[in-house]
Amino acid sequence: MAKAKKSAKTSVKKYQNYINGEWVASTSGEWFDNVNPADTTDIVGRFPHSSETDINSAISAAKSAAKRWRLTPAPKRAELLFTLGEILRENKDEFTRQMTREMGKVLKEAGGDVQEAIDCTYYTAGEGRRLHGFTTPAEMPNKFAMCVRQPVGICGLITPFNFPMAIPSWKLIPALVCGNTVVLKSGEDVPLSSLNLIKACEKAGIPRGVVNLVNGGGEAGAALVNHKDVRLISFTGSTDTGRIIAEQCARDNKLVSLEMGGKNAIIIMDDADIDNAVEGSLWGAFGTSGQRCTASSRLVVHKKIYKKFCAALVEKVKKLRVGNGLDAKTEVGPVINEDAMQKILGYIHIGQNIDKATLACGGKRLTRGDYSKGYFIEPTVFTNVSPKMRVGREEIFGPVTSVIPFSTLDEAIDIANDVKYGLSSAIYTQDVNQAFHAMQELYTGICYVNSATIGAEVHLPFGGTKATGNGHREAGTQVLDIFTEWKSLYVDYSGKLQKAQIDEVEI
């Protein structure tokens, strides 16, 4: 467990866990500080370090509430979720500013994060009147066959820092509309946004025990994963942690949904609108300071336009305004914490000194003036990168992108596919044939044409291939397959024993 940080401020607000419809302190008696990454002297709040005992209490509450919530008609569950959406919408501005303060992303992006939670709530709540199963002909006469969804039970939700409200909502809302009860373990760096979401659930009238929130680090997460009564773990985070969770869930035959890393490529053909491609690359590479699993961390550029594109890109990158996300003029905020900053700077060192790529711009931590209070890194571009270099293959999760040259579209596709991840991809071209060829051959869960690799919409499935996940998809109607299990039902009204696959049916 990480040690709780001490603050000289005595007025810092303390927050609590939410268990069985009540706000309660952790039994550990320990706290951690939620720190503004743009200004580490600014303590957003103090949150409880939850222990295994707290996790057990939350799971017990979810277990007690499970039957009543499961038997609540799905349209009635959906009504509460529509109310939740209204509460989120009414508080959007406040939640946006609080998110920027605790996480660092610029205000417009934080507002988009909250909006995504609102959109998810409205869209998914609509499934409360559908939750489509299906009917099908039976093999025998006077026999009816159908298939329906049933909730899986208690769901443990473990979420990251980069989308502090959107990602929890992507898990929480579908789980609830399907009739599950949940325990949410918030991202340790962004507990206030999760708390705001759960407070909204409470205000919406979701019954006690149905939704539970615990704060803390790895100890709390491990206790949640290992508890015998938790049927499903939905995790978004690093590939290494995801593998550990998958192994633990496999031992207990738990269901597990994993959304992990990415090393996403934009292919820029020689016929591309270069200005548009540069703008898309800026947004894809440096939105959320590059801390997105969908970030455009590789720009695969045709040799005919390589120099022109690099020059235009670097010129734009150098003009990006780095600063506190609460300043409306800021375009790139801080990275989330000290560990993340050191990891990113480590990769920049690798790019320069081991890979021997060309550092075209950026590459340094910003430390002067107000920058000294936060975790700020210059937006960084490497050029003359080969597909085998570490900066061109490994997820950096920061404001760093690599520009890789290619000669043919098939070569570009091979470069894009030749990493262990397969989340998102994109191509810029004016040639419809090239666009469709790329859409067919790029082995990723998401593909864009004439756009960056970021920007999911809640009514389409989200997820990737290979080491990005384990095959599940969040969002869209496909998310229902995570939070439900199928039950096949047979009704024989013939009044006699009919043996399927044995009895001969007369025609």
Protein backbone atom coordinates (compact mmCIF):
# COMPACT_ATOMS: atom_id res chain seq x y z
CA MET A 1 0.00 0.00 0.00
CA ALA A 2 1.23 3.46 -0.84
CA LYS A 3 1.93 5.64 2.15
CA ALA A 4 -0.56 8.38 2.79
CA LYS A 5 0.75 11.80 1.92
CA LYS A 6 0.76 14.44 4.60
CA SER A 7 -0.61 17.90 4.01
CA ALA A 8 0.17 21.01 5.99
CA LYS A 9 -3.35 22.20 5.38
CA THR A 10 -5.80 21.46 8.13
CA SER A 11 -8.81 22.54 6.15
CA VAL A 12 -8.59 19.79 3.56
CA LYS A 13 -11.94 18.07 3.22
CA LYS A 14 -12.16 14.41 4.13
CA TYR A 15 -14.29 12.07 2.06
CA GLN A 16 -15.58 8.60 2.87
CA ASN A 17 -16.46 5.27 1.32
CA TYR A 18 -20.06 4.53 0.33
CA ILE A 19 -21.23 1.18 1.66
CA ASN A 20 -24.80 -0.05 2.00
CA GLY A 21 -26.26 3.39 1.38
CA GLU A 22 -24.10 5.15 3.99
CA TRP A 23 -20.94 7.25 3.88
CA VAL A 24 -18.45 5.58 6.21
CA ALA A 25 -14.78 5.89 7.10
CA SER A 26 -12.32 3.11 6.40
CA THR A 27 -11.66 0.67 9.21
CA SER A 28 -7.94 1.14 8.52
CA GLY A 29 -8.01 4.69 9.89
CA GLU A 30 -5.56 5.63 7.12
CA TRP A 31 -5.99 8.34 4.51
CA PHE A 32 -4.35 9.48 1.30
CA ASP A 33 -4.28 12.89 -0.30
CA ASN A 34 -5.80 13.58 -3.71
CA VAL A 35 -3.29 16.01 -5.21
CA ASN A 36 -3.70 18.41 -8.13
CA PRO A 37 -1.01 17.29 -10.65
CA ALA A 38 -0.72 20.86 -11.96
CA ASP A 39 -0.02 22.21 -8.48
CA THR A 40 1.01 19.66 -5.88
CA THR A 41 0.52 22.21 -3.09
CA ASP A 42 -3.21 22.02 -3.85
CA ILE A 43 -4.80 19.11 -1.99
CA VAL A 44 -8.17 18.36 -3.56
CA GLY A 45 -9.31 16.13 -0.72
CA ARG A 46 -8.36 13.37 1.67
CA PHE A 47 -9.69 9.88 0.99
CA PRO A 48 -9.75 6.62 2.97
CA HIS A 49 -7.24 3.87 2.38
CA SER A 50 -9.68 0.98 2.30
CA SER A 51 -8.70 -2.32 3.85
CA GLU A 52 -9.85 -5.87 3.11
CA THR A 53 -12.42 -5.40 5.88
CA ASP A 54 -13.95 -2.46 4.01
CA ILE A 55 -14.05 -4.47 0.81
CA ASN A 56 -15.76 -7.33 2.60
CA SER A 57 -18.38 -4.95 4.01
CA ALA A 58 -19.08 -3.50 0.56
CA ILE A 59 -19.42 -6.95 -0.97
CA SER A 60 -21.70 -8.06 1.85
CA ALA A 61 -23.93 -5.05 1.17
CA ALA A 62 -23.99 -5.84 -2.55
CA LYS A 63 -24.87 -9.45 -1.78
CA SER A 64 -27.76 -8.48 0.50
CA ALA A 65 -29.19 -6.14 -2.15
CA ALA A 66 -28.70 -8.50 -5.09
CA LYS A 67 -32.00 -10.39 -5.11
CA ARG A 68 -34.21 -7.34 -4.64
CA TRP A 69 -32.38 -5.43 -7.40
CA ARG A 70 -32.38 -8.43 -9.75
CA LEU A 71 -36.15 -8.80 -9.34
CA THR A 72 -36.77 -5.08 -9.89
CA PRO A 73 -38.17 -4.85 -13.43
CA ALA A 74 -35.53 -3.65 -15.86
CA PRO A 75 -37.66 -0.69 -17.07
CA LYS A 76 -37.90 0.44 -13.44
CA ARG A 77 -34.12 0.14 -13.04
CA ALA A 78 -33.78 2.20 -16.22
CA GLU A 79 -35.99 4.97 -14.84
CA LEU A 80 -33.58 5.47 -11.96
CA LEU A 81 -30.69 5.60 -14.41
CA PHE A 82 -32.43 8.25 -16.52
CA THR A 83 -32.77 10.27 -13.32
CA LEU A 84 -29.06 9.74 -12.72
CA GLY A 85 -28.34 11.18 -16.17
CA GLU A 86 -30.35 14.29 -15.34
CA ILE A 87 -28.41 14.80 -12.11
CA LEU A 88 -25.09 14.46 -13.94
CA ARG A 89 -26.25 16.98 -16.54
CA GLU A 90 -27.31 19.48 -13.87
CA ASN A 91 -23.90 19.23 -12.17
CA LYS A 92 -21.74 19.01 -15.30
CA ASP A 93 -19.87 22.30 -14.82
CA GLU A 94 -19.00 21.58 -11.19
CA PHE A 95 -17.92 18.01 -11.90
CA THR A 96 -15.84 19.24 -14.86
CA ARG A 97 -13.81 21.71 -12.80
CA GLN A 98 -13.30 19.19 -10.02
CA MET A 99 -12.08 16.61 -12.53
CA THR A 100 -9.58 19.03 -14.07
CA ARG A 101 -8.33 19.93 -10.61
CA GLU A 102 -7.72 16.33 -9.54
CA MET A 103 -6.59 14.86 -12.87
CA GLY A 104 -5.14 17.74 -14.89
CA LYS A 105 -6.85 17.41 -18.27
CA VAL A 106 -8.00 20.68 -19.78
CA LEU A 107 -11.51 21.92 -19.07
CA LYS A 108 -12.94 21.09 -22.49
CA GLU A 109 -11.70 17.52 -22.23
CA ALA A 110 -12.95 17.15 -18.68
CA GLY A 111 -16.33 18.44 -19.81
CA GLY A 112 -16.28 15.84 -22.56
CA ASP A 113 -15.50 13.17 -19.96
CA VAL A 114 -18.56 14.11 -17.89
CA GLN A 115 -20.66 14.35 -21.04
CA GLU A 116 -19.63 10.84 -21.99
CA ALA A 117 -20.94 9.62 -18.64
CA ILE A 118 -24.21 11.46 -19.31
CA ASP A 119 -24.47 9.97 -22.81
CA CYS A 120 -23.68 6.50 -21.48
CA THR A 121 -26.39 6.82 -18.84
CA TYR A 122 -29.09 7.91 -21.29
CA TYR A 123 -28.12 5.40 -23.95
CA THR A 124 -27.70 2.38 -21.71
CA ALA A 125 -30.78 3.12 -19.64
CA GLY A 126 -32.74 2.70 -22.86
CA GLU A 127 -31.73 -0.95 -22.84
CA GLY A 128 -33.90 -1.38 -19.76
CA ARG A 129 -36.84 -1.70 -22.13
CA ARG A 130 -35.01 -4.04 -24.45
CA LEU A 131 -32.20 -6.24 -23.09
CA HIS A 132 -32.88 -8.26 -26.20
CA GLY A 133 -33.00 -12.02 -26.02
CA PHE A 134 -34.40 -14.08 -28.86
CA THR A 135 -36.85 -16.81 -29.78
CA THR A 136 -36.09 -19.61 -32.17
CA PRO A 137 -37.87 -22.67 -33.62
CA ALA A 138 -37.58 -25.86 -31.59
CA GLU A 139 -36.68 -29.22 -33.09
CA MET A 140 -39.83 -30.93 -31.77
CA PRO A 141 -43.51 -30.13 -32.32
CA ASN A 142 -45.47 -28.34 -29.58
CA LYS A 143 -42.27 -27.03 -28.04
CA PHE A 144 -41.16 -23.42 -27.57
CA ALA A 145 -37.53 -22.27 -27.38
CA MET A 146 -36.12 -18.92 -26.35
CA CYS A 147 -33.04 -17.31 -24.86
CA VAL A 148 -32.95 -14.56 -22.23
CA ARG A 149 -30.30 -12.59 -20.35
CA GLN A 150 -29.74 -12.92 -16.62
CA PRO A 151 -27.47 -10.78 -14.40
CA VAL A 152 -24.15 -12.28 -13.40
CA GLY A 153 -24.37 -11.18 -9.75
CA ILE A 154 -21.88 -9.03 -7.82
CA CYS A 155 -19.53 -7.08 -10.09
CA GLY A 156 -16.20 -5.62 -9.01
CA LEU A 157 -15.27 -2.54 -11.07
CA ILE A 158 -11.66 -1.30 -11.11
CA THR A 159 -11.05 1.92 -13.03
CA PRO A 160 -8.04 4.08 -14.05
CA PHE A 161 -7.23 7.79 -13.76
CA ASN A 162 -7.41 9.02 -17.33
CA PHE A 163 -11.20 9.11 -17.74
CA PRO A 164 -12.32 9.58 -14.15
CA MET A 165 -16.06 9.57 -14.78
CA ALA A 166 -16.51 8.20 -18.30
CA ILE A 167 -14.86 4.82 -17.68
CA PRO A 168 -16.60 4.16 -14.34
CA SER A 169 -19.92 4.99 -16.02
CA TRP A 170 -19.14 2.64 -18.91
CA LYS A 171 -18.98 -0.17 -16.36
CA LEU A 172 -21.42 0.94 -13.67
CA ILE A 173 -24.43 1.86 -15.82
CA PRO A 174 -24.57 -1.35 -17.92
CA ALA A 175 -24.00 -3.45 -14.79
CA LEU A 176 -26.96 -1.78 -13.07
CA VAL A 177 -29.40 -1.87 -15.97
CA CYS A 178 -28.68 -5.60 -16.32
CA GLY A 179 -29.66 -6.17 -12.68
CA ASN A 180 -26.26 -6.59 -11.05
CA THR A 181 -25.04 -5.03 -7.82
CA VAL A 182 -21.59 -3.46 -7.81
CA VAL A 183 -18.53 -2.50 -5.82
CA LEU A 184 -16.52 0.25 -7.51
CA LYS A 185 -12.86 0.70 -6.59
CA SER A 186 -11.97 4.21 -7.72
CA GLY A 187 -8.72 5.19 -9.40
CA GLU A 188 -6.36 6.22 -6.58
CA ASP A 189 -5.39 9.46 -8.36
CA VAL A 190 -8.97 10.50 -9.16
CA PRO A 191 -11.28 9.44 -6.33
CA LEU A 192 -13.41 12.60 -6.32
CA SER A 193 -14.86 12.03 -9.80
CA SER A 194 -15.92 8.49 -8.88
CA LEU A 195 -17.39 9.82 -5.65
CA ASN A 196 -19.36 12.44 -7.59
CA LEU A 197 -20.78 9.68 -9.79
CA ILE A 198 -21.81 7.61 -6.77
CA LYS A 199 -23.31 10.64 -5.00
CA ALA A 200 -25.42 11.17 -8.09
CA CYS A 201 -26.53 7.51 -7.89
CA GLU A 202 -27.55 8.06 -4.28
CA LYS A 203 -29.50 11.20 -5.18
CA ALA A 204 -31.20 9.36 -8.05
CA GLY A 205 -32.66 6.89 -5.56
CA ILE A 206 -30.72 3.76 -6.38
CA PRO A 207 -31.44 1.46 -3.41
CA ARG A 208 -28.93 0.92 -0.63
CA GLY A 209 -26.39 -1.79 -1.23
CA VAL A 210 -26.85 -1.80 -5.00
CA VAL A 211 -23.94 0.59 -5.54
CA ASN A 212 -20.91 0.66 -3.25
CA LEU A 213 -17.72 2.73 -3.48
CA VAL A 214 -14.35 1.97 -1.89
CA ASN A 215 -11.23 4.10 -2.19
CA GLY A 216 -7.64 3.01 -1.95
CA GLY A 217 -4.83 1.29 -3.76
CA GLY A 218 -3.64 -2.16 -4.65
CA GLU A 219 -4.66 -3.80 -1.39
CA ALA A 220 -8.30 -2.86 -1.91
CA GLY A 221 -8.19 -3.95 -5.54
CA ALA A 222 -6.66 -7.32 -4.69
CA ALA A 223 -9.24 -7.96 -1.97
CA LEU A 224 -12.02 -7.20 -4.45
CA VAL A 225 -10.57 -9.50 -7.12
CA ASN A 226 -10.02 -12.38 -4.71
CA HIS A 227 -13.35 -12.31 -2.85
CA LYS A 228 -15.33 -15.51 -3.40
CA ASP A 229 -18.69 -13.73 -3.74
CA VAL A 230 -17.59 -11.46 -6.59
CA ARG A 231 -18.69 -13.08 -9.83
CA LEU A 232 -17.19 -10.64 -12.32
CA ILE A 233 -14.26 -8.23 -12.45
CA SER A 234 -14.28 -5.45 -15.02
CA PHE A 235 -10.86 -3.81 -15.22
CA THR A 236 -9.38 -0.95 -17.22
CA GLY A 237 -5.69 -0.22 -16.75
CA SER A 238 -2.21 -1.47 -17.54
CA THR A 239 -1.55 -4.70 -19.39
CA ASP A 240 0.69 -6.03 -16.61
CA THR A 241 -1.97 -5.51 -13.93
CA GLY A 242 -4.65 -6.92 -16.23
CA ARG A 243 -2.69 -10.14 -16.68
CA ILE A 244 -2.39 -10.58 -12.92
CA ILE A 245 -6.12 -10.02 -12.49
CA ALA A 246 -6.91 -12.49 -15.28
CA GLU A 247 -4.76 -15.15 -13.61
CA GLN A 248 -6.43 -14.59 -10.25
CA CYS A 249 -9.92 -14.70 -11.76
CA ALA A 250 -9.10 -17.87 -13.69
CA ARG A 251 -8.30 -19.73 -10.46
CA ASP A 252 -11.79 -19.00 -9.13
CA ASN A 253 -13.55 -19.31 -12.48
CA LYS A 254 -14.68 -15.67 -12.30
CA LEU A 255 -15.80 -13.74 -15.32
CA VAL A 256 -13.31 -11.04 -16.26
CA SER A 257 -13.39 -8.17 -18.72
CA LEU A 258 -10.10 -6.43 -19.50
CA GLU A 259 -9.43 -3.19 -21.36
CA MET A 260 -5.72 -2.49 -21.36
CA GLY A 261 -2.98 -0.84 -23.39
CA GLY A 262 -2.51 0.44 -26.91
CA LYS A 263 0.20 1.57 -29.31
CA ASN A 264 -1.98 3.13 -31.95
CA ALA A 265 -0.92 4.24 -35.40
CA ILE A 266 -2.18 6.84 -37.85
CA ILE A 267 -1.22 6.02 -41.44
CA ILE A 268 -0.80 9.18 -43.50
CA MET A 269 -0.77 8.55 -47.23
CA ASP A 270 0.91 10.78 -49.80
CA ASP A 271 -2.49 11.99 -51.04
CA ALA A 272 -3.66 13.03 -47.58
CA ASP A 273 -4.73 16.54 -46.69
CA ILE A 274 -1.57 17.34 -44.74
CA ASP A 275 -3.05 20.19 -42.72
CA ASN A 276 -5.95 17.99 -41.61
CA ALA A 277 -3.59 15.10 -40.86
CA VAL A 278 -1.37 17.34 -38.74
CA GLU A 279 -4.35 18.63 -36.75
CA GLY A 280 -5.59 15.08 -36.21
CA SER A 281 -2.13 13.96 -35.13
CA LEU A 282 -1.87 16.82 -32.62
CA TRP A 283 -5.22 15.91 -31.09
CA GLY A 284 -4.52 12.18 -31.14
CA ALA A 285 -1.02 12.39 -29.71
CA PHE A 286 -1.39 15.15 -27.12
CA GLY A 287 -5.05 15.11 -26.06
CA THR A 288 -5.17 14.26 -22.33
CA SER A 289 -1.37 14.75 -22.45
CA GLY A 290 -1.13 11.48 -24.35
CA GLN A 291 -2.60 9.56 -21.40
CA ARG A 292 -5.13 7.62 -23.42
CA CYS A 293 -5.06 3.97 -24.36
CA THR A 294 -6.18 5.20 -27.81
CA ALA A 295 -3.47 7.88 -28.12
CA SER A 296 -1.89 8.34 -31.56
CA SER A 297 1.60 7.46 -30.37
CA ARG A 298 2.80 6.38 -33.85
CA LEU A 299 2.46 8.47 -37.00
CA VAL A 300 3.27 6.30 -40.00
CA VAL A 301 3.92 8.73 -42.85
CA HIS A 302 4.53 8.14 -46.57
CA LYS A 303 8.10 8.92 -47.62
CA LYS A 304 6.93 11.29 -50.36
CA ILE A 305 5.49 13.70 -47.79
CA TYR A 306 7.56 12.72 -44.76
CA LYS A 307 9.74 15.83 -44.51
CA LYS A 308 6.85 18.20 -45.25
CA PHE A 309 4.61 16.53 -42.69
CA CYS A 310 7.29 16.44 -39.98
CA ALA A 311 8.10 20.11 -40.47
CA ALA A 312 4.43 21.10 -40.24
CA LEU A 313 3.84 18.87 -37.22
CA VAL A 314 6.85 20.12 -35.26
CA GLU A 315 5.94 23.73 -35.97
CA LYS A 316 2.47 23.16 -34.49
CA VAL A 317 3.70 21.13 -31.52
CA LYS A 318 6.12 23.86 -30.48
CA LYS A 319 3.18 26.29 -30.26
CA LEU A 320 1.03 24.12 -27.96
CA ARG A 321 0.30 25.85 -24.66
CA VAL A 322 1.24 23.67 -21.70
CA GLY A 323 -0.16 24.57 -18.30
CA ASN A 324 -2.83 24.19 -15.65
CA GLY A 325 -5.94 22.69 -17.20
CA LEU A 326 -8.11 25.17 -15.28
CA ASP A 327 -6.72 27.93 -17.51
CA ALA A 328 -8.98 28.08 -20.55
CA LYS A 329 -5.99 28.88 -22.79
CA THR A 330 -4.17 25.66 -21.86
CA GLU A 331 -4.01 22.99 -24.58
CA VAL A 332 -1.88 20.35 -22.82
CA GLY A 333 -2.08 19.76 -19.09
CA PRO A 334 0.23 17.89 -16.70
CA VAL A 335 0.72 14.15 -16.47
CA ILE A 336 -0.92 12.45 -13.54
CA ASN A 337 1.87 11.94 -10.98
CA GLU A 338 5.58 11.65 -10.26
CA ASP A 339 5.84 7.98 -11.23
CA ALA A 340 4.15 8.60 -14.57
CA MET A 341 6.40 11.57 -15.25
CA GLN A 342 9.55 9.60 -14.54
CA LYS A 343 8.39 6.73 -16.75
CA ILE A 344 7.72 9.11 -19.65
CA LEU A 345 11.04 10.90 -19.21
CA GLY A 346 12.68 7.47 -19.12
CA TYR A 347 11.20 6.63 -22.52
CA ILE A 348 12.37 9.96 -23.91
CA HIS A 349 15.87 9.03 -22.72
CA ILE A 350 15.54 5.66 -24.43
CA GLY A 351 14.42 7.30 -27.66
CA GLN A 352 17.41 9.63 -27.69
CA ASN A 353 20.19 7.48 -26.31
CA ILE A 354 19.29 3.87 -27.04
CA ASP A 355 16.98 3.97 -30.06
CA LYS A 356 18.99 6.90 -31.51
CA ALA A 357 15.86 8.48 -32.93
CA THR A 358 15.85 12.18 -33.74
CA LEU A 359 14.34 14.36 -31.02
CA ALA A 360 12.53 16.87 -33.24
CA CYS A 361 11.02 18.89 -30.38
CA GLY A 362 10.20 18.70 -26.70
CA GLY A 363 11.76 16.07 -24.50
CA LYS A 364 12.13 17.97 -21.24
CA ARG A 365 10.31 18.43 -17.99
CA LEU A 366 9.08 22.00 -17.55
CA THR A 367 10.25 23.39 -14.21
CA ARG A 368 10.25 27.18 -14.33
CA GLY A 369 7.72 29.32 -12.48
CA ASP A 370 4.37 27.65 -11.88
CA TYR A 371 5.60 24.61 -13.79
CA SER A 372 7.76 23.75 -10.78
CA LYS A 373 4.66 22.86 -8.79
CA GLY A 374 3.38 20.21 -11.20
CA TYR A 375 4.20 17.31 -13.49
CA PHE A 376 4.65 19.03 -16.83
CA ILE A 377 6.45 17.55 -19.83
CA GLU A 378 6.97 19.27 -23.16
CA PRO A 379 4.97 17.74 -26.02
CA THR A 380 7.57 15.54 -27.68
CA VAL A 381 8.08 14.34 -31.24
CA PHE A 382 10.61 11.76 -32.39
CA THR A 383 11.38 11.51 -36.10
CA ASN A 384 13.46 9.02 -38.09
CA VAL A 385 11.94 6.26 -36.01
CA SER A 386 12.10 2.65 -37.18
CA PRO A 387 9.35 0.14 -36.34
CA LYS A 388 11.77 -1.85 -34.18
CA MET A 389 12.68 1.00 -31.83
CA ARG A 390 11.22 0.82 -28.32
CA VAL A 391 9.59 4.25 -28.59
CA GLY A 392 7.85 2.95 -31.70
CA ARG A 393 6.63 -0.29 -30.08
CA GLU A 394 5.97 0.21 -26.36
CA GLU A 395 3.16 2.14 -24.72
CA ILE A 396 4.55 5.36 -23.21
CA PHE A 397 1.26 6.87 -22.00
CA GLY A 398 2.39 10.45 -22.17
CA PRO A 399 2.80 13.41 -24.55
CA VAL A 400 5.23 11.60 -26.88
CA THR A 401 4.72 10.49 -30.47
CA SER A 402 6.99 8.86 -33.05
CA VAL A 403 6.98 9.50 -36.80
CA ILE A 404 7.81 6.42 -38.88
CA PRO A 405 8.36 6.53 -42.69
CA PHE A 406 6.97 3.98 -45.16
CA SER A 407 6.85 3.38 -48.93
CA THR A 408 3.66 1.37 -49.62
CA LEU A 409 0.27 1.03 -47.97
CA ASP A 410 0.84 -2.65 -47.25
CA GLU A 411 4.13 -1.79 -45.55
CA ALA A 412 2.32 0.82 -43.43
CA ILE A 413 -0.34 -1.71 -42.45
CA ASP A 414 2.35 -4.22 -41.48
CA ILE A 415 4.02 -1.56 -39.30
CA ALA A 416 0.71 -0.67 -37.65
CA ASN A 417 -0.12 -4.32 -36.93
CA ASP A 418 3.36 -5.35 -35.79
CA VAL A 419 2.96 -4.50 -32.10
CA LYS A 420 1.46 -6.51 -29.25
CA TYR A 421 -1.58 -4.21 -28.98
CA GLY A 422 -4.56 -3.79 -31.27
CA LEU A 423 -6.87 -1.11 -29.92
CA SER A 424 -7.20 1.72 -32.45
CA SER A 425 -5.87 2.72 -35.86
CA ALA A 426 -6.45 5.39 -38.47
CA ILE A 427 -5.65 6.34 -42.04
CA TYR A 428 -5.60 9.70 -43.80
CA THR A 429 -6.21 9.40 -47.54
CA GLN A 430 -8.44 10.76 -50.30
CA ASP A 431 -8.48 7.40 -52.07
CA VAL A 432 -11.55 5.33 -51.16
CA ASN A 433 -9.87 2.12 -52.32
CA GLN A 434 -6.91 2.66 -50.00
CA ALA A 435 -9.26 3.55 -47.15
CA PHE A 436 -11.27 0.35 -47.50
CA HIS A 437 -8.15 -1.77 -47.90
CA ALA A 438 -6.79 -0.34 -44.64
CA MET A 439 -10.11 -0.81 -42.85
CA GLN A 440 -10.04 -4.46 -43.87
CA GLU A 441 -6.40 -5.21 -43.03
CA LEU A 442 -5.74 -3.20 -39.86
CA TYR A 443 -6.13 -5.66 -36.98
CA THR A 444 -7.59 -3.37 -34.35
CA GLY A 445 -10.89 -3.05 -32.52
CA ILE A 446 -11.39 0.51 -33.77
CA CYS A 447 -10.44 2.12 -37.08
CA TYR A 448 -10.86 5.70 -38.26
CA VAL A 449 -10.64 7.25 -41.71
CA ASN A 450 -9.40 10.86 -41.93
CA SER A 451 -9.47 11.24 -38.16
CA ALA A 452 -7.23 10.54 -35.18
CA THR A 453 -7.27 7.31 -33.21
CA ILE A 454 -9.22 8.81 -30.32
CA GLY A 455 -12.89 9.66 -29.84
CA ALA A 456 -15.15 6.73 -28.90
CA GLU A 457 -18.96 7.03 -29.02
CA VAL A 458 -21.07 5.21 -26.46
CA HIS A 459 -23.40 3.52 -28.95
CA LEU A 460 -20.53 1.67 -30.65
CA PRO A 461 -18.52 -1.15 -29.06
CA PHE A 462 -15.14 -0.17 -27.60
CA GLY A 463 -12.19 -2.52 -27.18
CA GLY A 464 -9.28 -4.09 -28.97
CA THR A 465 -7.43 -7.17 -30.10
CA LYS A 466 -4.32 -8.99 -28.89
CA ALA A 467 -2.81 -7.64 -25.64
CA THR A 468 -5.28 -4.77 -25.52
CA GLY A 469 -7.92 -6.96 -23.89
CA ASN A 470 -9.51 -10.36 -23.62
CA GLY A 471 -12.08 -10.06 -26.38
CA HIS A 472 -14.91 -8.25 -24.61
CA ARG A 473 -16.28 -4.90 -25.73
CA GLU A 474 -17.52 -2.02 -23.64
CA ALA A 475 -20.20 0.44 -24.78
CA GLY A 476 -22.78 -0.26 -27.47
CA THR A 477 -25.22 -3.09 -26.90
CA GLN A 478 -22.23 -5.43 -26.90
CA VAL A 479 -21.42 -4.38 -23.32
CA LEU A 480 -24.52 -6.29 -22.21
CA ASP A 481 -22.65 -9.51 -22.95
CA ILE A 482 -20.19 -8.63 -20.19
CA PHE A 483 -22.78 -8.01 -17.50
CA THR A 484 -25.27 -10.76 -18.37
CA GLU A 485 -25.19 -14.48 -18.96
CA TRP A 486 -27.40 -16.28 -21.43
CA LYS A 487 -30.09 -18.70 -20.32
CA SER A 488 -31.75 -21.01 -22.85
CA LEU A 489 -35.38 -21.88 -22.06
CA TYR A 490 -37.42 -24.77 -23.45
CA VAL A 491 -41.17 -25.11 -22.92
CA ASP A 492 -42.71 -28.43 -23.99
CA TYR A 493 -46.51 -28.22 -24.17
CA SER A 494 -47.02 -31.52 -26.03
CA GLY A 495 -48.18 -33.31 -22.91
CA LYS A 496 -45.75 -36.19 -23.45
CA LEU A 497 -42.03 -36.91 -23.23
CA GLN A 498 -40.18 -35.83 -26.36
CA LYS A 499 -36.54 -36.76 -26.68
CA ALA A 500 -34.62 -34.19 -28.68
CA GLN A 501 -31.97 -35.64 -31.03
CA ILE A 502 -33.44 -39.11 -30.36
CA ASP A 503 -37.12 -39.08 -31.35
CA GLU A 504 -37.90 -39.04 -35.03
CA VAL A 505 -40.22 -36.22 -36.02
CA GLU A 506 -42.82 -37.18 -38.57
CA ILE A 507 -43.34 -34.71 -41.41
